[in-house]
PDB file of all heavy atoms in Angstrom:
ATOM      1  N   SER A   1     -18.206 -42.680  35.156  1.00  0.00           N
ATOM      2  CA  SER A   1     -17.817 -44.090  34.927  1.00  0.00           C
ATOM      3  C   SER A   1     -19.053 -44.856  34.575  1.00  0.00           C
ATOM      4  O   SER A   1     -20.163 -44.439  34.875  1.00  0.00           O
ATOM      5  CB  SER A   1     -17.180 -44.610  36.230  1.00  0.00           C
ATOM      6  OG  SER A   1     -15.942 -44.006  36.458  1.00  0.00           O
ATOM      7  N   GLY A   2     -18.833 -46.052  33.978  1.00  0.00           N
ATOM      8  CA  GLY A   2     -20.003 -46.850  33.552  1.00  0.00           C
ATOM      9  C   GLY A   2     -20.805 -46.278  32.440  1.00  0.00           C
ATOM     10  O   GLY A   2     -21.984 -46.563  32.329  1.00  0.00           O
ATOM     11  N   PHE A   3     -20.201 -45.415  31.663  1.00  0.00           N
ATOM     12  CA  PHE A   3     -20.866 -44.822  30.420  1.00  0.00           C
ATOM     13  C   PHE A   3     -22.066 -43.968  30.851  1.00  0.00           C
ATOM     14  O   PHE A   3     -23.050 -43.910  30.185  1.00  0.00           O
ATOM     15  CB  PHE A   3     -21.324 -45.879  29.429  1.00  0.00           C
ATOM     16  CG  PHE A   3     -20.189 -46.908  29.146  1.00  0.00           C
ATOM     17  CD1 PHE A   3     -20.367 -48.185  29.613  1.00  0.00           C
ATOM     18  CD2 PHE A   3     -19.060 -46.493  28.494  1.00  0.00           C
ATOM     19  CE1 PHE A   3     -19.303 -49.144  29.380  1.00  0.00           C
ATOM     20  CE2 PHE A   3     -18.010 -47.496  28.278  1.00  0.00           C
ATOM     21  CZ  PHE A   3     -18.179 -48.770  28.774  1.00  0.00           C
ATOM     22  N   GLY A   4     -21.893 -43.322  31.970  1.00  0.00           N
ATOM     23  CA  GLY A   4     -23.070 -42.474  32.474  1.00  0.00           C
ATOM     24  C   GLY A   4     -22.834 -40.993  32.351  1.00  0.00           C
ATOM     25  O   GLY A   4     -21.710 -40.516  32.013  1.00  0.00           O
ATOM     26  N   GLY A   5     -23.857 -40.283  32.686  1.00  0.00           N
ATOM     27  CA  GLY A   5     -23.833 -38.825  32.672  1.00  0.00           C
ATOM     28  C   GLY A   5     -23.679 -38.293  31.280  1.00  0.00           C
ATOM     29  O   GLY A   5     -24.183 -38.841  30.283  1.00  0.00           O
ATOM     30  N   CYS A   6     -23.105 -37.092  31.149  1.00  0.00           N
ATOM     31  CA  CYS A   6     -22.953 -36.445  29.822  1.00  0.00           C
ATOM     32  C   CYS A   6     -22.150 -37.305  28.913  1.00  0.00           C
ATOM     33  O   CYS A   6     -21.242 -38.067  29.274  1.00  0.00           O
ATOM     34  CB  CYS A   6     -22.237 -35.160  30.070  1.00  0.00           C
ATOM     35  SG  CYS A   6     -23.083 -33.975  31.138  1.00  0.00           S
ATOM     36  N   MET A   7     -22.493 -37.192  27.617  1.00  0.00           N
ATOM     37  CA  MET A   7     -21.820 -37.996  26.541  1.00  0.00           C
ATOM     38  C   MET A   7     -21.498 -37.167  25.361  1.00  0.00           C
ATOM     39  O   MET A   7     -22.318 -36.306  24.974  1.00  0.00           O
ATOM     40  CB  MET A   7     -22.757 -39.186  26.125  1.00  0.00           C
ATOM     41  CG  MET A   7     -22.265 -39.963  25.007  1.00  0.00           C
ATOM     42  SD  MET A   7     -23.414 -41.233  24.504  1.00  0.00           S
ATOM     43  CE  MET A   7     -24.554 -40.327  23.502  1.00  0.00           C
ATOM     44  N   SER A   8     -20.361 -37.321  24.739  1.00  0.00           N
ATOM     45  CA  SER A   8     -20.016 -36.639  23.499  1.00  0.00           C
ATOM     46  C   SER A   8     -20.742 -37.314  22.388  1.00  0.00           C
ATOM     47  O   SER A   8     -21.022 -38.519  22.400  1.00  0.00           O
ATOM     48  CB  SER A   8     -18.518 -36.647  23.251  1.00  0.00           C
ATOM     49  OG  SER A   8     -18.053 -37.958  23.036  1.00  0.00           O
ATOM     50  N   GLY A   9     -21.007 -36.614  21.327  1.00  0.00           N
ATOM     51  CA  GLY A   9     -21.747 -37.231  20.187  1.00  0.00           C
ATOM     52  C   GLY A   9     -22.878 -36.397  19.721  1.00  0.00           C
ATOM     53  O   GLY A   9     -23.090 -35.279  20.220  1.00  0.00           O
ATOM     54  N   ALA A  10     -23.642 -36.884  18.740  1.00  0.00           N
ATOM     55  CA  ALA A  10     -24.833 -36.279  18.179  1.00  0.00           C
ATOM     56  C   ALA A  10     -24.496 -34.818  17.730  1.00  0.00           C
ATOM     57  O   ALA A  10     -23.778 -34.644  16.777  1.00  0.00           O
ATOM     58  CB  ALA A  10     -26.019 -36.310  19.116  1.00  0.00           C
ATOM     59  N   ASP A  11     -24.999 -33.836  18.465  1.00  0.00           N
ATOM     60  CA  ASP A  11     -24.837 -32.430  18.089  1.00  0.00           C
ATOM     61  C   ASP A  11     -23.407 -31.911  18.389  1.00  0.00           C
ATOM     62  O   ASP A  11     -22.946 -30.877  17.874  1.00  0.00           O
ATOM     63  CB  ASP A  11     -25.806 -31.531  18.784  1.00  0.00           C
ATOM     64  CG  ASP A  11     -27.191 -31.784  18.301  1.00  0.00           C
ATOM     65  OD1 ASP A  11     -27.358 -32.269  17.185  1.00  0.00           O
ATOM     66  OD2 ASP A  11     -28.131 -31.589  19.112  1.00  0.00           O
ATOM     67  N   HIS A  12     -22.669 -32.602  19.252  1.00  0.00           N
ATOM     68  CA  HIS A  12     -21.336 -32.141  19.676  1.00  0.00           C
ATOM     69  C   HIS A  12     -20.296 -33.268  19.418  1.00  0.00           C
ATOM     70  O   HIS A  12     -19.804 -33.885  20.375  1.00  0.00           O
ATOM     71  CB  HIS A  12     -21.316 -31.679  21.147  1.00  0.00           C
ATOM     72  CG  HIS A  12     -22.115 -30.478  21.351  1.00  0.00           C
ATOM     73  ND1 HIS A  12     -23.424 -30.438  21.541  1.00  0.00           N
ATOM     74  CD2 HIS A  12     -21.756 -29.212  21.449  1.00  0.00           C
ATOM     75  CE1 HIS A  12     -23.860 -29.194  21.716  1.00  0.00           C
ATOM     76  NE2 HIS A  12     -22.820 -28.471  21.654  1.00  0.00           N
ATOM     77  N   ILE A  13     -19.971 -33.468  18.144  1.00  0.00           N
ATOM     78  CA  ILE A  13     -18.965 -34.483  17.798  1.00  0.00           C
ATOM     79  C   ILE A  13     -17.613 -33.973  18.251  1.00  0.00           C
ATOM     80  O   ILE A  13     -17.284 -32.798  18.072  1.00  0.00           O
ATOM     81  CB  ILE A  13     -18.930 -34.705  16.302  1.00  0.00           C
ATOM     82  CG1 ILE A  13     -20.317 -35.161  15.766  1.00  0.00           C
ATOM     83  CG2 ILE A  13     -17.851 -35.740  15.866  1.00  0.00           C
ATOM     84  CD1 ILE A  13     -20.845 -36.438  16.293  1.00  0.00           C
ATOM     85  N   LEU A  14     -16.801 -34.783  18.900  1.00  0.00           N
ATOM     86  CA  LEU A  14     -15.472 -34.423  19.305  1.00  0.00           C
ATOM     87  C   LEU A  14     -14.635 -34.232  18.082  1.00  0.00           C
ATOM     88  O   LEU A  14     -14.719 -34.925  17.105  1.00  0.00           O
ATOM     89  CB  LEU A  14     -14.843 -35.526  20.191  1.00  0.00           C
ATOM     90  CG  LEU A  14     -15.460 -35.664  21.557  1.00  0.00           C
ATOM     91  CD1 LEU A  14     -14.791 -36.901  22.264  1.00  0.00           C
ATOM     92  CD2 LEU A  14     -15.285 -34.429  22.361  1.00  0.00           C
ATOM     93  N   ARG A  15     -13.764 -33.253  18.157  1.00  0.00           N
ATOM     94  CA  ARG A  15     -12.777 -33.002  17.113  1.00  0.00           C
ATOM     95  C   ARG A  15     -11.365 -33.299  17.681  1.00  0.00           C
ATOM     96  O   ARG A  15     -11.131 -33.043  18.840  1.00  0.00           O
ATOM     97  CB  ARG A  15     -12.863 -31.518  16.678  1.00  0.00           C
ATOM     98  CG  ARG A  15     -14.174 -31.163  15.989  1.00  0.00           C
ATOM     99  CD  ARG A  15     -14.179 -29.865  15.280  1.00  0.00           C
ATOM    100  NE  ARG A  15     -13.111 -29.629  14.381  1.00  0.00           N
ATOM    101  CZ  ARG A  15     -13.098 -30.074  13.083  1.00  0.00           C
ATOM    102  NH1 ARG A  15     -14.046 -30.777  12.651  1.00  0.00           N
ATOM    103  NH2 ARG A  15     -12.028 -29.772  12.303  1.00  0.00           N
ATOM    104  N   ALA A  16     -10.481 -33.787  16.747  1.00  0.00           N
ATOM    105  CA  ALA A  16      -9.189 -34.076  17.195  1.00  0.00           C
ATOM    106  C   ALA A  16      -8.482 -32.811  17.611  1.00  0.00           C
ATOM    107  O   ALA A  16      -8.723 -31.753  17.024  1.00  0.00           O
ATOM    108  CB  ALA A  16      -8.379 -34.735  16.007  1.00  0.00           C
ATOM    109  N   GLY A  17      -7.619 -32.884  18.652  1.00  0.00           N
ATOM    110  CA  GLY A  17      -6.915 -31.821  19.161  1.00  0.00           C
ATOM    111  C   GLY A  17      -7.293 -31.457  20.588  1.00  0.00           C
ATOM    112  O   GLY A  17      -7.806 -32.379  21.323  1.00  0.00           O
ATOM    113  N   SER A  18      -7.137 -30.247  20.994  1.00  0.00           N
ATOM    114  CA  SER A  18      -7.426 -29.881  22.370  1.00  0.00           C
ATOM    115  C   SER A  18      -8.907 -30.020  22.691  1.00  0.00           C
ATOM    116  O   SER A  18      -9.763 -29.792  21.881  1.00  0.00           O
ATOM    117  CB  SER A  18      -7.009 -28.369  22.561  1.00  0.00           C
ATOM    118  OG  SER A  18      -7.429 -27.946  23.838  1.00  0.00           O
ATOM    119  N   LEU A  19      -9.211 -30.456  23.891  1.00  0.00           N
ATOM    120  CA  LEU A  19     -10.559 -30.629  24.383  1.00  0.00           C
ATOM    121  C   LEU A  19     -11.089 -29.320  25.053  1.00  0.00           C
ATOM    122  O   LEU A  19     -12.277 -29.245  25.447  1.00  0.00           O
ATOM    123  CB  LEU A  19     -10.702 -31.799  25.322  1.00  0.00           C
ATOM    124  CG  LEU A  19     -10.505 -33.183  24.675  1.00  0.00           C
ATOM    125  CD1 LEU A  19     -10.516 -34.253  25.720  1.00  0.00           C
ATOM    126  CD2 LEU A  19     -11.597 -33.382  23.621  1.00  0.00           C
ATOM    127  N   GLU A  20     -10.267 -28.301  25.127  1.00  0.00           N
ATOM    128  CA  GLU A  20     -10.672 -27.049  25.704  1.00  0.00           C
ATOM    129  C   GLU A  20     -11.783 -26.456  24.850  1.00  0.00           C
ATOM    130  O   GLU A  20     -11.655 -26.369  23.673  1.00  0.00           O
ATOM    131  CB  GLU A  20      -9.520 -26.054  25.808  1.00  0.00           C
ATOM    132  CG  GLU A  20      -8.579 -26.273  26.936  1.00  0.00           C
ATOM    133  CD  GLU A  20      -7.580 -25.171  27.096  1.00  0.00           C
ATOM    134  OE1 GLU A  20      -7.165 -24.557  26.042  1.00  0.00           O
ATOM    135  OE2 GLU A  20      -7.146 -25.012  28.211  1.00  0.00           O
ATOM    136  N   GLY A  21     -12.904 -26.148  25.410  1.00  0.00           N
ATOM    137  CA  GLY A  21     -14.028 -25.547  24.675  1.00  0.00           C
ATOM    138  C   GLY A  21     -14.946 -26.545  24.017  1.00  0.00           C
ATOM    139  O   GLY A  21     -16.049 -26.218  23.611  1.00  0.00           O
ATOM    140  N   GLN A  22     -14.532 -27.829  23.939  1.00  0.00           N
ATOM    141  CA  GLN A  22     -15.406 -28.847  23.314  1.00  0.00           C
ATOM    142  C   GLN A  22     -16.340 -29.322  24.457  1.00  0.00           C
ATOM    143  O   GLN A  22     -16.018 -29.464  25.564  1.00  0.00           O
ATOM    144  CB  GLN A  22     -14.607 -29.980  22.741  1.00  0.00           C
ATOM    145  CG  GLN A  22     -13.739 -29.624  21.644  1.00  0.00           C
ATOM    146  CD  GLN A  22     -13.306 -30.850  20.849  1.00  0.00           C
ATOM    147  OE1 GLN A  22     -14.049 -31.664  20.348  1.00  0.00           O
ATOM    148  NE2 GLN A  22     -11.942 -30.958  20.723  1.00  0.00           N
ATOM    149  N   LYS A  23     -17.634 -29.507  24.048  1.00  0.00           N
ATOM    150  CA  LYS A  23     -18.668 -29.852  25.041  1.00  0.00           C
ATOM    151  C   LYS A  23     -19.273 -31.213  24.768  1.00  0.00           C
ATOM    152  O   LYS A  23     -19.244 -31.702  23.668  1.00  0.00           O
ATOM    153  CB  LYS A  23     -19.739 -28.742  25.023  1.00  0.00           C
ATOM    154  CG  LYS A  23     -19.235 -27.410  25.362  1.00  0.00           C
ATOM    155  CD  LYS A  23     -20.347 -26.329  25.358  1.00  0.00           C
ATOM    156  CE  LYS A  23     -19.696 -25.000  25.808  1.00  0.00           C
ATOM    157  NZ  LYS A  23     -20.649 -23.998  26.034  1.00  0.00           N
ATOM    158  N   TYR A  24     -19.807 -31.810  25.836  1.00  0.00           N
ATOM    159  CA  TYR A  24     -20.406 -33.109  25.709  1.00  0.00           C
ATOM    160  C   TYR A  24     -21.676 -33.014  24.796  1.00  0.00           C
ATOM    161  O   TYR A  24     -21.814 -33.691  23.862  1.00  0.00           O
ATOM    162  CB  TYR A  24     -20.849 -33.672  27.092  1.00  0.00           C
ATOM    163  CG  TYR A  24     -19.672 -34.200  27.848  1.00  0.00           C
ATOM    164  CD1 TYR A  24     -19.169 -33.534  28.949  1.00  0.00           C
ATOM    165  CD2 TYR A  24     -19.109 -35.378  27.531  1.00  0.00           C
ATOM    166  CE1 TYR A  24     -18.075 -33.988  29.690  1.00  0.00           C
ATOM    167  CE2 TYR A  24     -18.013 -35.943  28.243  1.00  0.00           C
ATOM    168  CZ  TYR A  24     -17.540 -35.149  29.323  1.00  0.00           C
ATOM    169  OH  TYR A  24     -16.504 -35.676  30.044  1.00  0.00           O
ATOM    170  N   GLY A  25     -22.596 -32.129  25.187  1.00  0.00           N
ATOM    171  CA  GLY A  25     -23.783 -31.792  24.339  1.00  0.00           C
ATOM    172  C   GLY A  25     -24.921 -32.766  24.426  1.00  0.00           C
ATOM    173  O   GLY A  25     -26.066 -32.320  24.313  1.00  0.00           O
ATOM    174  N   VAL A  26     -24.720 -34.068  24.604  1.00  0.00           N
ATOM    175  CA  VAL A  26     -25.790 -35.043  24.663  1.00  0.00           C
ATOM    176  C   VAL A  26     -26.343 -35.139  26.058  1.00  0.00           C
ATOM    177  O   VAL A  26     -25.645 -34.930  27.034  1.00  0.00           O
ATOM    178  CB  VAL A  26     -25.295 -36.429  24.167  1.00  0.00           C
ATOM    179  CG1 VAL A  26     -26.381 -37.448  24.220  1.00  0.00           C
ATOM    180  CG2 VAL A  26     -24.777 -36.280  22.747  1.00  0.00           C
ATOM    181  N   LEU A  27     -27.598 -35.435  26.217  1.00  0.00           N
ATOM    182  CA  LEU A  27     -28.362 -35.539  27.476  1.00  0.00           C
ATOM    183  C   LEU A  27     -28.436 -34.130  28.134  1.00  0.00           C
ATOM    184  O   LEU A  27     -28.278 -34.098  29.363  1.00  0.00           O
ATOM    185  CB  LEU A  27     -27.655 -36.537  28.437  1.00  0.00           C
ATOM    186  CG  LEU A  27     -27.558 -38.011  27.938  1.00  0.00           C
ATOM    187  CD1 LEU A  27     -26.789 -38.848  28.875  1.00  0.00           C
ATOM    188  CD2 LEU A  27     -28.934 -38.567  27.663  1.00  0.00           C
ATOM    189  N   SER A  28     -28.674 -33.151  27.365  1.00  0.00           N
ATOM    190  CA  SER A  28     -28.793 -31.761  27.872  1.00  0.00           C
ATOM    191  C   SER A  28     -27.595 -31.320  28.660  1.00  0.00           C
ATOM    192  O   SER A  28     -27.742 -30.516  29.584  1.00  0.00           O
ATOM    193  CB  SER A  28     -30.104 -31.664  28.739  1.00  0.00           C
ATOM    194  OG  SER A  28     -31.226 -32.018  27.912  1.00  0.00           O
ATOM    195  N   CYS A  29     -26.433 -31.784  28.321  1.00  0.00           N
ATOM    196  CA  CYS A  29     -25.205 -31.382  28.967  1.00  0.00           C
ATOM    197  C   CYS A  29     -24.513 -30.240  28.108  1.00  0.00           C
ATOM    198  O   CYS A  29     -24.196 -30.501  27.006  1.00  0.00           O
ATOM    199  CB  CYS A  29     -24.290 -32.549  29.138  1.00  0.00           C
ATOM    200  SG  CYS A  29     -24.883 -33.784  30.344  1.00  0.00           S
ATOM    201  N   ASP A  30     -24.243 -29.195  28.813  1.00  0.00           N
ATOM    202  CA  ASP A  30     -23.495 -28.118  28.132  1.00  0.00           C
ATOM    203  C   ASP A  30     -22.180 -27.956  28.811  1.00  0.00           C
ATOM    204  O   ASP A  30     -21.659 -26.843  28.983  1.00  0.00           O
ATOM    205  CB  ASP A  30     -24.324 -26.830  28.155  1.00  0.00           C
ATOM    206  CG  ASP A  30     -23.797 -25.829  27.177  1.00  0.00           C
ATOM    207  OD1 ASP A  30     -23.236 -26.258  26.137  1.00  0.00           O
ATOM    208  OD2 ASP A  30     -23.962 -24.627  27.414  1.00  0.00           O
ATOM    209  N   THR A  31     -21.646 -29.051  29.263  1.00  0.00           N
ATOM    210  CA  THR A  31     -20.420 -29.128  30.054  1.00  0.00           C
ATOM    211  C   THR A  31     -19.198 -29.348  29.148  1.00  0.00           C
ATOM    212  O   THR A  31     -19.301 -30.132  28.241  1.00  0.00           O
ATOM    213  CB  THR A  31     -20.514 -30.235  31.116  1.00  0.00           C
ATOM    214  OG1 THR A  31     -21.658 -30.027  31.918  1.00  0.00           O
ATOM    215  CG2 THR A  31     -19.296 -30.263  32.028  1.00  0.00           C
ATOM    216  N   THR A  32     -18.041 -28.688  29.399  1.00  0.00           N
ATOM    217  CA  THR A  32     -16.867 -29.004  28.626  1.00  0.00           C
ATOM    218  C   THR A  32     -16.245 -30.332  28.977  1.00  0.00           C
ATOM    219  O   THR A  32     -16.325 -30.803  30.112  1.00  0.00           O
ATOM    220  CB  THR A  32     -15.779 -27.862  28.786  1.00  0.00           C
ATOM    221  OG1 THR A  32     -15.455 -27.752  30.142  1.00  0.00           O
ATOM    222  CG2 THR A  32     -16.293 -26.571  28.288  1.00  0.00           C
ATOM    223  N   VAL A  33     -15.684 -30.892  27.960  1.00  0.00           N
ATOM    224  CA  VAL A  33     -15.113 -32.313  28.114  1.00  0.00           C
ATOM    225  C   VAL A  33     -13.711 -32.201  28.806  1.00  0.00           C
ATOM    226  O   VAL A  33     -13.365 -33.166  29.497  1.00  0.00           O
ATOM    227  CB  VAL A  33     -14.905 -32.917  26.693  1.00  0.00           C
ATOM    228  CG1 VAL A  33     -14.355 -34.268  26.808  1.00  0.00           C
ATOM    229  CG2 VAL A  33     -16.291 -32.978  25.952  1.00  0.00           C
ATOM    230  N   ASN A  34     -12.982 -31.125  28.630  1.00  0.00           N
ATOM    231  CA  ASN A  34     -11.635 -31.034  29.107  1.00  0.00           C
ATOM    232  C   ASN A  34     -11.543 -31.399  30.611  1.00  0.00           C
ATOM    233  O   ASN A  34     -12.307 -30.814  31.453  1.00  0.00           O
ATOM    234  CB  ASN A  34     -11.097 -29.630  28.897  1.00  0.00           C
ATOM    235  CG  ASN A  34      -9.633 -29.464  29.189  1.00  0.00           C
ATOM    236  OD1 ASN A  34      -8.904 -30.329  28.828  1.00  0.00           O
ATOM    237  ND2 ASN A  34      -9.290 -28.353  29.791  1.00  0.00           N
ATOM    238  N   ASN A  35     -10.715 -32.327  30.954  1.00  0.00           N
ATOM    239  CA  ASN A  35     -10.453 -32.788  32.320  1.00  0.00           C
ATOM    240  C   ASN A  35     -11.759 -33.247  33.016  1.00  0.00           C
ATOM    241  O   ASN A  35     -11.845 -33.044  34.297  1.00  0.00           O
ATOM    242  CB  ASN A  35      -9.833 -31.719  33.151  1.00  0.00           C
ATOM    243  CG  ASN A  35      -8.382 -31.413  32.722  1.00  0.00           C
ATOM    244  OD1 ASN A  35      -7.666 -32.285  32.290  1.00  0.00           O
ATOM    245  ND2 ASN A  35      -7.987 -30.162  32.771  1.00  0.00           N
TER     246      ASN A  35
END
């Protein structure tokens, strides 16, 4: 919350559709976005 932590963008642009397997990527986060 508050636009903190991992963020999507830059090297890991979100794609329309399922978020399974899509990663945040920014701020050294290699975490999946799903849920």
